[in-house]
N, C-alpha and C. Protein backbone atom coordinates (compact mmCIF):
# COMPACT_ATOMS: atom_id res chain seq x y z
N MET A 1 91.61 212.33 42.29
CA MET A 1 91.44 210.96 42.69
C MET A 1 91.46 210.90 44.22
N HIS A 2 90.70 209.98 44.71
CA HIS A 2 90.63 209.81 46.15
C HIS A 2 91.52 208.66 46.57
N ASN A 3 92.31 208.86 47.59
CA ASN A 3 93.18 207.80 48.11
C ASN A 3 92.56 207.10 49.30
N ASP A 4 91.27 207.34 49.54
CA ASP A 4 90.64 206.75 50.71
C ASP A 4 89.89 205.45 50.36
N THR A 5 90.26 204.79 49.24
CA THR A 5 89.61 203.52 48.91
C THR A 5 90.29 202.40 49.68
N LEU A 6 89.51 201.47 50.11
CA LEU A 6 90.01 200.33 50.87
C LEU A 6 90.40 199.21 49.91
N PRO A 7 91.30 198.32 50.35
CA PRO A 7 91.65 197.19 49.49
C PRO A 7 90.41 196.35 49.20
N GLY A 8 90.28 195.96 47.95
CA GLY A 8 89.13 195.15 47.56
C GLY A 8 88.02 195.98 46.97
N GLU A 9 88.01 197.32 47.19
CA GLU A 9 87.00 198.17 46.57
C GLU A 9 87.41 198.48 45.15
N PRO A 10 86.45 198.68 44.26
CA PRO A 10 86.82 199.03 42.88
C PRO A 10 87.52 200.39 42.86
N THR A 11 88.49 200.51 41.98
CA THR A 11 89.25 201.76 41.88
C THR A 11 88.74 202.59 40.71
N GLN A 12 89.12 203.83 40.71
CA GLN A 12 88.76 204.74 39.63
C GLN A 12 89.73 204.53 38.46
N PRO A 13 89.28 204.67 37.23
CA PRO A 13 90.22 204.57 36.11
C PRO A 13 91.22 205.73 36.16
N TYR A 14 92.44 205.44 35.73
CA TYR A 14 93.50 206.44 35.76
C TYR A 14 93.23 207.48 34.69
N LEU A 15 93.29 208.72 35.07
CA LEU A 15 93.11 209.83 34.15
C LEU A 15 94.31 210.75 34.31
N PRO A 16 95.20 210.82 33.33
CA PRO A 16 96.39 211.64 33.50
C PRO A 16 96.03 213.13 33.51
N ALA A 17 96.81 213.89 34.26
CA ALA A 17 96.61 215.34 34.33
C ALA A 17 97.49 216.00 33.29
N PHE A 18 96.87 216.68 32.34
CA PHE A 18 97.63 217.37 31.30
C PHE A 18 97.95 218.77 31.78
N THR A 19 99.24 219.03 31.97
CA THR A 19 99.66 220.34 32.47
C THR A 19 100.22 221.22 31.39
N GLY A 20 100.45 220.68 30.19
CA GLY A 20 100.98 221.49 29.11
C GLY A 20 102.49 221.63 29.15
N GLU A 21 103.18 220.81 29.95
CA GLU A 21 104.63 220.93 30.04
C GLU A 21 105.33 220.38 28.80
N PHE A 22 104.72 219.39 28.15
CA PHE A 22 105.33 218.80 26.97
C PHE A 22 104.61 219.31 25.73
N PRO A 23 105.35 219.56 24.63
CA PRO A 23 104.66 220.00 23.41
C PRO A 23 103.84 218.85 22.83
N ALA A 24 102.75 219.19 22.20
CA ALA A 24 101.87 218.19 21.61
C ALA A 24 102.56 217.56 20.41
N GLN A 25 102.21 216.31 20.13
CA GLN A 25 102.77 215.61 18.97
C GLN A 25 102.14 216.18 17.71
N PRO A 26 102.92 216.28 16.62
CA PRO A 26 102.33 216.78 15.37
C PRO A 26 101.33 215.76 14.81
N ASP A 27 100.38 216.27 14.07
CA ASP A 27 99.37 215.43 13.45
C ASP A 27 100.04 214.54 12.40
N PRO A 28 99.85 213.21 12.46
CA PRO A 28 100.55 212.33 11.51
C PRO A 28 100.15 212.59 10.07
N VAL A 29 98.91 213.01 9.82
CA VAL A 29 98.49 213.27 8.45
C VAL A 29 99.27 214.46 7.89
N GLN A 30 99.48 215.49 8.70
CA GLN A 30 100.24 216.66 8.23
C GLN A 30 101.70 216.30 8.00
N VAL A 31 102.23 215.43 8.81
CA VAL A 31 103.62 215.03 8.64
C VAL A 31 103.79 214.28 7.34
N LEU A 32 102.83 213.40 6.99
CA LEU A 32 102.94 212.64 5.76
C LEU A 32 102.72 213.50 4.52
N ASP A 33 101.94 214.58 4.64
CA ASP A 33 101.65 215.43 3.49
C ASP A 33 102.78 216.39 3.15
N THR A 34 103.67 216.67 4.08
CA THR A 34 104.74 217.63 3.80
C THR A 34 105.76 216.99 2.88
N PRO A 35 106.16 217.68 1.83
CA PRO A 35 107.15 217.10 0.90
C PRO A 35 108.53 217.08 1.57
N SER A 36 109.24 216.05 1.29
CA SER A 36 110.61 215.94 1.81
C SER A 36 111.58 215.97 0.65
N GLY A 37 112.83 216.08 0.96
CA GLY A 37 113.85 216.12 -0.07
C GLY A 37 114.02 214.75 -0.71
N PRO A 38 114.87 214.67 -1.72
CA PRO A 38 115.08 213.37 -2.38
C PRO A 38 115.72 212.38 -1.41
N LEU A 39 115.32 211.14 -1.55
CA LEU A 39 115.88 210.10 -0.71
C LEU A 39 117.29 209.76 -1.18
N PRO A 40 118.19 209.50 -0.24
CA PRO A 40 119.55 209.15 -0.67
C PRO A 40 119.56 207.77 -1.32
N ALA A 41 120.45 207.58 -2.28
CA ALA A 41 120.57 206.30 -2.97
C ALA A 41 121.13 205.26 -2.01
N LEU A 42 120.58 204.06 -2.10
CA LEU A 42 121.06 202.99 -1.25
C LEU A 42 122.45 202.56 -1.70
N ALA A 43 123.30 202.30 -0.74
CA ALA A 43 124.65 201.87 -1.06
C ALA A 43 124.62 200.43 -1.56
N GLN A 44 125.28 200.17 -2.66
CA GLN A 44 125.35 198.82 -3.19
C GLN A 44 126.37 198.02 -2.40
N PRO A 45 126.08 196.76 -2.12
CA PRO A 45 127.07 195.97 -1.39
C PRO A 45 128.34 195.81 -2.22
N GLU A 46 129.44 195.79 -1.52
CA GLU A 46 130.71 195.69 -2.21
C GLU A 46 130.91 194.26 -2.68
N VAL A 47 131.21 194.11 -3.95
CA VAL A 47 131.44 192.80 -4.54
C VAL A 47 132.94 192.61 -4.69
N VAL A 48 133.44 191.58 -4.05
CA VAL A 48 134.86 191.29 -4.14
C VAL A 48 135.11 190.49 -5.40
N PRO A 49 136.05 190.90 -6.23
CA PRO A 49 136.32 190.13 -7.46
C PRO A 49 136.78 188.72 -7.13
N GLY A 50 136.31 187.76 -7.90
CA GLY A 50 136.70 186.37 -7.70
C GLY A 50 135.81 185.60 -6.76
N THR A 51 134.78 186.25 -6.17
CA THR A 51 133.86 185.54 -5.28
C THR A 51 132.49 185.50 -5.95
N TYR A 52 131.81 184.40 -5.73
CA TYR A 52 130.48 184.24 -6.29
C TYR A 52 129.45 184.82 -5.33
N GLN A 53 128.41 185.41 -5.88
CA GLN A 53 127.30 185.89 -5.08
C GLN A 53 126.17 184.87 -5.06
N TYR A 54 126.36 183.77 -5.75
CA TYR A 54 125.38 182.71 -5.81
C TYR A 54 126.14 181.39 -5.91
N LEU A 55 125.44 180.30 -5.82
CA LEU A 55 126.04 178.98 -5.96
C LEU A 55 125.51 178.31 -7.22
N LYS A 56 126.36 177.55 -7.84
CA LYS A 56 125.88 176.71 -8.92
C LYS A 56 125.13 175.54 -8.29
N ARG A 57 124.20 174.98 -9.04
CA ARG A 57 123.36 173.92 -8.47
C ARG A 57 124.17 172.71 -8.03
N TRP A 58 125.15 172.33 -8.81
CA TRP A 58 125.93 171.15 -8.46
C TRP A 58 126.75 171.40 -7.20
N THR A 59 127.22 172.63 -6.98
CA THR A 59 127.96 172.93 -5.75
C THR A 59 127.04 172.83 -4.54
N PHE A 60 125.83 173.37 -4.67
CA PHE A 60 124.85 173.27 -3.59
C PHE A 60 124.54 171.81 -3.28
N VAL A 61 124.32 171.02 -4.30
CA VAL A 61 123.99 169.61 -4.11
C VAL A 61 125.16 168.87 -3.45
N LEU A 62 126.39 169.17 -3.86
CA LEU A 62 127.55 168.51 -3.26
C LEU A 62 127.70 168.87 -1.78
N VAL A 63 127.50 170.14 -1.44
CA VAL A 63 127.64 170.55 -0.04
C VAL A 63 126.56 169.88 0.82
N VAL A 64 125.32 169.93 0.37
CA VAL A 64 124.23 169.34 1.14
C VAL A 64 124.39 167.82 1.20
N ALA A 65 124.80 167.18 0.11
CA ALA A 65 124.99 165.73 0.11
C ALA A 65 126.12 165.33 1.04
N GLY A 66 127.18 166.13 1.10
CA GLY A 66 128.27 165.83 2.03
C GLY A 66 127.83 165.89 3.48
N VAL A 67 127.03 166.90 3.80
CA VAL A 67 126.51 167.00 5.17
C VAL A 67 125.57 165.85 5.46
N TRP A 68 124.74 165.48 4.48
CA TRP A 68 123.80 164.38 4.68
C TRP A 68 124.52 163.05 4.87
N ILE A 69 125.61 162.82 4.13
CA ILE A 69 126.35 161.57 4.27
C ILE A 69 126.94 161.46 5.68
N LEU A 70 127.51 162.55 6.17
CA LEU A 70 128.06 162.55 7.52
C LEU A 70 126.97 162.35 8.57
N SER A 71 125.85 163.01 8.39
CA SER A 71 124.78 162.87 9.38
C SER A 71 124.10 161.51 9.28
N ALA A 72 124.04 160.93 8.08
CA ALA A 72 123.47 159.59 7.95
C ALA A 72 124.37 158.57 8.65
N ALA A 73 125.68 158.76 8.53
CA ALA A 73 126.59 157.85 9.23
C ALA A 73 126.45 158.00 10.75
N SER A 74 126.28 159.23 11.21
CA SER A 74 126.10 159.42 12.65
C SER A 74 124.74 158.87 13.11
N GLY A 75 123.70 159.01 12.31
CA GLY A 75 122.40 158.44 12.65
C GLY A 75 122.44 156.92 12.70
N TRP A 76 123.16 156.32 11.75
CA TRP A 76 123.33 154.87 11.74
C TRP A 76 124.05 154.43 13.02
N GLY A 77 125.13 155.13 13.36
CA GLY A 77 125.90 154.78 14.56
C GLY A 77 125.12 155.00 15.84
N LEU A 78 124.37 156.09 15.90
CA LEU A 78 123.59 156.35 17.10
C LEU A 78 122.49 155.32 17.30
N TYR A 79 121.85 154.91 16.19
CA TYR A 79 120.82 153.89 16.33
C TYR A 79 121.44 152.55 16.71
N TYR A 80 122.59 152.22 16.15
CA TYR A 80 123.28 150.99 16.51
C TYR A 80 123.62 150.99 18.01
N TRP A 81 124.12 152.13 18.50
CA TRP A 81 124.46 152.25 19.91
C TRP A 81 123.20 152.11 20.77
N TRP A 82 122.12 152.78 20.37
CA TRP A 82 120.88 152.73 21.14
C TRP A 82 120.32 151.30 21.17
N PHE A 83 120.34 150.61 20.03
CA PHE A 83 119.74 149.28 19.93
C PHE A 83 120.50 148.26 20.78
N HIS A 84 121.82 148.40 20.85
CA HIS A 84 122.63 147.40 21.54
C HIS A 84 122.97 147.77 22.98
N SER A 85 122.60 148.95 23.45
CA SER A 85 122.94 149.30 24.83
C SER A 85 121.82 148.89 25.78
N LEU A 86 122.21 148.53 26.99
CA LEU A 86 121.22 148.18 27.99
C LEU A 86 120.62 149.43 28.63
N ASP A 87 121.45 150.44 28.83
CA ASP A 87 120.99 151.72 29.38
C ASP A 87 120.76 152.67 28.22
N LYS A 88 119.52 153.04 27.97
CA LYS A 88 119.17 153.84 26.80
C LYS A 88 119.39 155.34 27.01
N ILE A 89 119.68 155.78 28.24
CA ILE A 89 119.77 157.21 28.52
C ILE A 89 120.94 157.88 27.80
N PRO A 90 122.17 157.34 27.83
CA PRO A 90 123.26 158.02 27.14
C PRO A 90 123.05 158.17 25.63
N PRO A 91 122.60 157.12 24.90
CA PRO A 91 122.39 157.35 23.47
C PRO A 91 121.29 158.37 23.17
N VAL A 92 120.24 158.37 23.96
CA VAL A 92 119.16 159.34 23.74
C VAL A 92 119.66 160.75 24.03
N PHE A 93 120.49 160.91 25.05
CA PHE A 93 121.06 162.22 25.36
C PHE A 93 121.96 162.70 24.23
N VAL A 94 122.75 161.80 23.65
CA VAL A 94 123.63 162.18 22.54
C VAL A 94 122.80 162.53 21.30
N VAL A 95 121.69 161.85 21.09
CA VAL A 95 120.80 162.21 19.98
C VAL A 95 120.24 163.62 20.19
N LEU A 96 119.85 163.93 21.43
CA LEU A 96 119.37 165.28 21.73
C LEU A 96 120.46 166.31 21.47
N LEU A 97 121.69 166.02 21.88
CA LEU A 97 122.80 166.93 21.61
C LEU A 97 123.05 167.08 20.11
N PHE A 98 122.92 165.98 19.37
CA PHE A 98 123.10 166.03 17.92
C PHE A 98 122.08 166.97 17.27
N VAL A 99 120.83 166.87 17.68
CA VAL A 99 119.79 167.73 17.11
C VAL A 99 120.03 169.19 17.51
N ILE A 100 120.43 169.43 18.75
CA ILE A 100 120.69 170.80 19.19
C ILE A 100 121.88 171.39 18.44
N VAL A 101 122.96 170.62 18.29
CA VAL A 101 124.14 171.13 17.57
C VAL A 101 123.80 171.42 16.12
N CYS A 102 123.04 170.54 15.49
CA CYS A 102 122.65 170.78 14.09
C CYS A 102 121.79 172.04 13.96
N THR A 103 120.86 172.23 14.87
CA THR A 103 119.96 173.38 14.79
C THR A 103 120.71 174.68 15.06
N VAL A 104 121.48 174.71 16.13
CA VAL A 104 122.22 175.94 16.47
C VAL A 104 123.27 176.24 15.42
N GLY A 105 123.97 175.20 14.95
CA GLY A 105 124.96 175.41 13.89
C GLY A 105 124.33 175.93 12.62
N SER A 106 123.16 175.44 12.29
CA SER A 106 122.47 175.92 11.10
C SER A 106 122.05 177.37 11.25
N LEU A 107 121.53 177.72 12.42
CA LEU A 107 121.11 179.11 12.64
C LEU A 107 122.30 180.06 12.63
N LEU A 108 123.41 179.65 13.21
CA LEU A 108 124.61 180.50 13.19
C LEU A 108 125.16 180.63 11.77
N ALA A 109 125.16 179.54 11.02
CA ALA A 109 125.65 179.61 9.65
C ALA A 109 124.73 180.45 8.77
N ALA A 110 123.44 180.47 9.07
CA ALA A 110 122.50 181.25 8.27
C ALA A 110 122.69 182.75 8.47
N MET A 111 123.31 183.14 9.58
CA MET A 111 123.51 184.56 9.84
C MET A 111 124.70 185.15 9.08
N VAL A 112 125.53 184.31 8.49
CA VAL A 112 126.67 184.80 7.73
C VAL A 112 126.17 185.34 6.40
N SER A 113 126.55 186.55 6.07
CA SER A 113 126.06 187.15 4.83
C SER A 113 127.14 187.11 3.76
N ASP A 114 126.72 187.11 2.52
CA ASP A 114 127.58 187.14 1.34
C ASP A 114 128.53 185.96 1.26
N LYS A 115 128.16 184.83 1.82
CA LYS A 115 128.94 183.59 1.71
C LYS A 115 127.99 182.47 1.29
N PRO A 116 127.84 182.23 0.00
CA PRO A 116 126.86 181.24 -0.44
C PRO A 116 127.20 179.81 -0.01
N LEU A 117 128.48 179.47 0.12
CA LEU A 117 128.81 178.12 0.59
C LEU A 117 128.37 177.90 2.02
N VAL A 118 128.48 178.93 2.85
CA VAL A 118 128.04 178.81 4.23
C VAL A 118 126.52 178.71 4.29
N SER A 119 125.83 179.38 3.38
CA SER A 119 124.38 179.26 3.31
C SER A 119 123.97 177.84 2.92
N ALA A 120 124.70 177.23 1.99
CA ALA A 120 124.41 175.84 1.63
C ALA A 120 124.69 174.91 2.80
N LEU A 121 125.75 175.19 3.54
CA LEU A 121 126.05 174.41 4.75
C LEU A 121 124.93 174.54 5.77
N SER A 122 124.36 175.74 5.86
CA SER A 122 123.25 175.96 6.78
C SER A 122 122.04 175.12 6.40
N VAL A 123 121.73 175.05 5.13
CA VAL A 123 120.61 174.22 4.68
C VAL A 123 120.88 172.75 4.96
N GLY A 124 122.11 172.33 4.72
CA GLY A 124 122.47 170.94 5.00
C GLY A 124 122.39 170.61 6.48
N LEU A 125 122.86 171.52 7.33
CA LEU A 125 122.80 171.27 8.77
C LEU A 125 121.37 171.25 9.29
N MET A 126 120.51 172.09 8.74
CA MET A 126 119.13 172.12 9.21
C MET A 126 118.40 170.82 8.85
N SER A 127 118.79 170.22 7.73
CA SER A 127 118.13 168.98 7.32
C SER A 127 118.93 167.74 7.71
N ALA A 128 120.03 167.90 8.44
CA ALA A 128 120.86 166.76 8.84
C ALA A 128 120.12 165.76 9.74
N PRO A 129 119.30 166.21 10.70
CA PRO A 129 118.56 165.20 11.49
C PRO A 129 117.63 164.33 10.64
N LEU A 130 117.12 164.87 9.54
CA LEU A 130 116.28 164.07 8.65
C LEU A 130 117.10 162.96 7.99
N ALA A 131 118.33 163.27 7.55
CA ALA A 131 119.19 162.25 6.95
C ALA A 131 119.59 161.21 8.00
N ALA A 132 119.86 161.65 9.23
CA ALA A 132 120.19 160.70 10.30
C ALA A 132 119.00 159.79 10.60
N LEU A 133 117.81 160.36 10.58
CA LEU A 133 116.60 159.56 10.80
C LEU A 133 116.41 158.54 9.69
N GLY A 134 116.70 158.92 8.46
CA GLY A 134 116.57 157.98 7.35
C GLY A 134 117.52 156.81 7.48
N ALA A 135 118.77 157.08 7.87
CA ALA A 135 119.73 155.99 8.06
C ALA A 135 119.33 155.10 9.23
N ALA A 136 118.84 155.71 10.30
CA ALA A 136 118.38 154.91 11.44
C ALA A 136 117.17 154.08 11.07
N ALA A 137 116.31 154.60 10.21
CA ALA A 137 115.14 153.83 9.78
C ALA A 137 115.55 152.63 8.94
N VAL A 138 116.57 152.80 8.11
CA VAL A 138 117.05 151.67 7.31
C VAL A 138 117.62 150.59 8.23
N LEU A 139 118.42 151.00 9.22
CA LEU A 139 118.98 150.03 10.16
C LEU A 139 117.88 149.35 10.98
N HIS A 140 116.87 150.11 11.36
CA HIS A 140 115.74 149.53 12.08
C HIS A 140 115.02 148.50 11.22
N GLY A 141 114.84 148.81 9.94
CA GLY A 141 114.22 147.86 9.03
C GLY A 141 115.05 146.60 8.88
N LEU A 142 116.37 146.73 8.82
CA LEU A 142 117.23 145.55 8.73
C LEU A 142 117.10 144.68 9.98
N TYR A 143 117.12 145.31 11.15
CA TYR A 143 116.98 144.56 12.39
C TYR A 143 115.61 143.88 12.49
N PHE A 144 114.59 144.59 12.07
CA PHE A 144 113.24 144.04 12.16
C PHE A 144 113.05 142.89 11.18
N CYS A 145 113.59 143.05 9.99
CA CYS A 145 113.40 142.02 8.96
C CYS A 145 114.23 140.77 9.25
N ASP A 146 115.21 140.86 10.15
CA ASP A 146 115.91 139.65 10.58
C ASP A 146 114.99 138.72 11.35
N ARG A 147 113.98 139.26 12.00
CA ARG A 147 113.09 138.48 12.86
C ARG A 147 111.74 138.18 12.23
N VAL A 148 111.45 138.79 11.09
CA VAL A 148 110.16 138.62 10.43
C VAL A 148 110.42 138.00 9.05
N SER A 149 109.53 137.15 8.61
CA SER A 149 109.75 136.47 7.34
C SER A 149 109.30 137.28 6.13
N ARG A 150 108.38 138.21 6.31
CA ARG A 150 107.83 138.95 5.17
C ARG A 150 108.39 140.36 5.13
N CYS A 151 109.34 140.62 4.25
CA CYS A 151 109.92 141.95 4.07
C CYS A 151 110.14 142.22 2.59
N LEU A 152 109.89 143.43 2.19
CA LEU A 152 110.11 143.86 0.82
C LEU A 152 111.56 144.32 0.69
N VAL A 153 112.32 143.72 -0.16
CA VAL A 153 113.72 144.03 -0.42
C VAL A 153 114.57 143.83 0.84
N GLY A 154 114.09 143.12 1.79
CA GLY A 154 114.84 142.84 3.01
C GLY A 154 114.92 144.00 3.98
N VAL A 155 114.20 145.07 3.72
CA VAL A 155 114.27 146.26 4.58
C VAL A 155 112.90 146.72 5.05
N ILE A 156 111.88 146.63 4.21
CA ILE A 156 110.57 147.19 4.51
C ILE A 156 109.60 146.07 4.88
N PRO A 157 109.18 145.99 6.15
CA PRO A 157 108.22 144.94 6.52
C PRO A 157 106.81 145.26 6.00
N TYR A 158 106.08 144.21 5.67
CA TYR A 158 104.68 144.40 5.25
C TYR A 158 103.80 143.35 5.82
């Protein structure tokens, strides 16, 4: 290669110099064709007596419903705070923190292995902002229907 090129001139493509110092890699086809010994058996996870490896449906529903009830109450309160405050920045910031805490908490809970209740908690936390949004939507419908004469069941404007 020539080092006498000026800036802005096209350069030569890099071509490595093979000196033979390193051994060549084996051919992958030959490596796959060689027979190997028997594979070791995978270790079975240790099962502690008295613990479930799964959840019953009603337990899952109760855990998720409990998380949803708490998040619906917080969504109702956050919307009430936002609707009645003159400065909207603090309630919006707390809503952002609520979504971040729910997401990070769900991801951390999902990393716990062999704990089905924590996995159900993770599912509940990931869907908690949806429950909070539903409660806020109901409160919004109530506020809106106070000012409008046409509402279905007093909550849904039409």
